[in-house]
Amino acid sequence: QVQLVESGGGVVQAGGSLRLSCSASGNIVSMNVMGWSRQGSGKQRELVASITRGGSPTYADSVKGRFTISRDNAKNTVYLQMNSLKPEDTAVYYCGAGPVGLRYWGKGTLVTVSS
């Protein structure tokens, strides 16, 4: 089992920045991929970004150039730096981890971007 705990959500004005963190514990040795997804009210869940243990990132087109994912393997932590936030970025952000895809998920942290 893997436990994932997100932090760093909150309320920010459009154009502002937030940094999300996710701490992993449990059977994490095989968790090659970590990442973030989000779900806004009335919207489908969207994969935002992911990163391999070796540091190769992928991003959704909607966040490219604004969000940066990183991870600290020694701390079993993944981060999501979010800049130039827009009201449409408002969502619950979930941290995920898995050996290939994102299989385990945290409970989420709410990000609200006001216009």
Protein backbone atom coordinates (compact mmCIF):
# COMPACT_ATOMS: atom_id res chain seq x y z
CA GLN A 1 0.00 0.00 0.00
CA VAL A 2 1.01 3.58 -0.71
CA GLN A 3 -0.17 6.63 1.18
CA LEU A 4 -0.12 10.04 -0.47
CA VAL A 5 -0.80 13.30 1.36
CA GLU A 6 -1.17 16.57 -0.52
CA SER A 7 -0.65 20.06 0.86
CA GLY A 8 -0.36 23.63 -0.37
CA GLY A 9 -3.80 24.31 -1.76
CA GLY A 10 -5.62 27.54 -1.08
CA VAL A 11 -7.13 30.66 -2.58
CA VAL A 12 -5.11 32.84 -4.94
CA GLN A 13 -5.91 35.66 -7.34
CA ALA A 14 -5.64 35.16 -11.06
CA GLY A 15 -2.05 35.60 -12.18
CA GLY A 16 -0.72 34.38 -8.85
CA SER A 17 1.25 31.29 -7.89
CA LEU A 18 0.91 28.29 -5.62
CA ARG A 19 3.13 25.33 -4.87
CA LEU A 20 1.59 21.97 -4.12
CA SER A 21 3.47 19.23 -2.30
CA CYS A 22 2.75 15.54 -1.99
CA SER A 23 4.47 13.27 0.50
CA ALA A 24 4.48 9.53 -0.17
CA SER A 25 4.89 6.70 2.33
CA GLY A 26 4.44 2.96 2.45
CA ASN A 27 5.54 0.61 -0.30
CA ILE A 28 7.06 3.30 -2.48
CA VAL A 29 10.13 1.53 -3.83
CA SER A 30 8.36 0.56 -7.06
CA MET A 31 6.59 3.89 -7.55
CA ASN A 32 8.43 4.97 -10.69
CA VAL A 33 5.86 7.57 -11.73
CA MET A 34 4.36 10.35 -9.62
CA GLY A 35 2.07 13.10 -10.74
CA TRP A 36 -0.97 15.29 -10.38
CA SER A 37 -4.47 15.26 -11.73
CA ARG A 38 -7.32 17.70 -11.09
CA GLN A 39 -11.07 17.83 -11.18
CA GLY A 40 -13.04 21.03 -11.35
CA SER A 41 -16.70 21.31 -10.44
CA GLY A 42 -18.76 19.67 -13.17
CA LYS A 43 -15.66 18.73 -15.14
CA GLN A 44 -13.93 15.48 -15.98
CA ARG A 45 -10.78 14.57 -14.14
CA GLU A 46 -7.70 15.73 -16.03
CA LEU A 47 -4.12 14.52 -15.80
CA VAL A 48 -2.09 17.67 -15.24
CA ALA A 49 1.51 16.48 -15.04
CA SER A 50 3.61 13.45 -14.25
CA ILE A 51 7.28 12.74 -13.70
CA THR A 52 9.39 9.60 -13.66
CA ARG A 53 11.89 8.69 -10.98
CA GLY A 54 14.58 9.77 -13.41
CA GLY A 55 13.03 13.21 -13.71
CA SER A 56 11.31 13.14 -17.12
CA PRO A 57 8.16 15.28 -16.98
CA THR A 58 5.01 15.35 -19.08
CA TYR A 59 2.35 18.06 -19.03
CA ALA A 60 -1.19 18.60 -20.20
CA ASP A 61 -1.40 21.20 -22.96
CA SER A 62 -3.56 23.37 -20.71
CA VAL A 63 -0.71 23.92 -18.22
CA LYS A 64 2.42 23.81 -20.37
CA GLY A 65 4.61 26.83 -19.74
CA ARG A 66 2.81 27.68 -16.49
CA PHE A 67 3.18 24.60 -14.27
CA THR A 68 6.37 22.77 -13.32
CA ILE A 69 6.49 19.34 -11.74
CA SER A 70 9.50 18.14 -9.78
CA ARG A 71 10.30 15.40 -7.30
CA ASP A 72 12.74 14.74 -4.51
CA ASN A 73 13.34 11.01 -4.42
CA ALA A 74 15.23 11.19 -1.14
CA LYS A 75 12.19 12.80 0.50
CA ASN A 76 9.60 10.76 -1.42
CA THR A 77 7.93 14.01 -2.35
CA VAL A 78 6.57 15.46 -5.57
CA TYR A 79 5.85 19.14 -6.15
CA LEU A 80 3.73 21.14 -8.54
CA GLN A 81 4.72 24.76 -8.99
CA MET A 82 1.78 26.62 -10.52
CA ASN A 83 2.36 30.08 -11.98
CA SER A 84 0.14 32.47 -13.93
CA LEU A 85 -2.91 30.81 -12.46
CA LYS A 86 -6.26 31.25 -14.18
CA PRO A 87 -9.80 30.89 -12.83
CA GLU A 88 -10.17 27.75 -14.95
CA ASP A 89 -7.37 26.15 -12.90
CA THR A 90 -9.77 26.04 -9.95
CA ALA A 91 -10.10 22.39 -8.96
CA VAL A 92 -9.29 19.72 -6.44
CA TYR A 93 -5.75 18.57 -7.17
CA TYR A 94 -4.88 14.94 -6.51
CA CYS A 95 -1.44 13.44 -6.14
CA GLY A 96 -0.85 10.05 -7.73
CA ALA A 97 1.86 7.41 -7.87
CA GLY A 98 2.43 4.08 -9.53
CA PRO A 99 4.94 1.70 -11.10
CA VAL A 100 3.99 2.66 -14.67
CA GLY A 101 0.85 4.82 -14.64
CA LEU A 102 -0.67 6.64 -11.69
CA ARG A 103 -2.37 3.91 -9.68
CA TYR A 104 -2.61 5.23 -6.13
CA TRP A 105 -4.19 8.55 -5.24
CA GLY A 106 -4.30 10.97 -2.34
CA LYS A 107 -7.45 12.66 -1.04
CA GLY A 108 -6.78 15.93 -2.80
CA THR A 109 -6.24 19.58 -2.01
CA LEU A 110 -8.47 22.42 -3.20
CA VAL A 111 -7.08 25.23 -5.33
CA THR A 112 -9.33 28.22 -5.93
CA VAL A 113 -8.31 30.95 -8.35
CA SER A 114 -10.36 34.12 -8.08
CA SER A 115 -10.79 36.53 -10.96
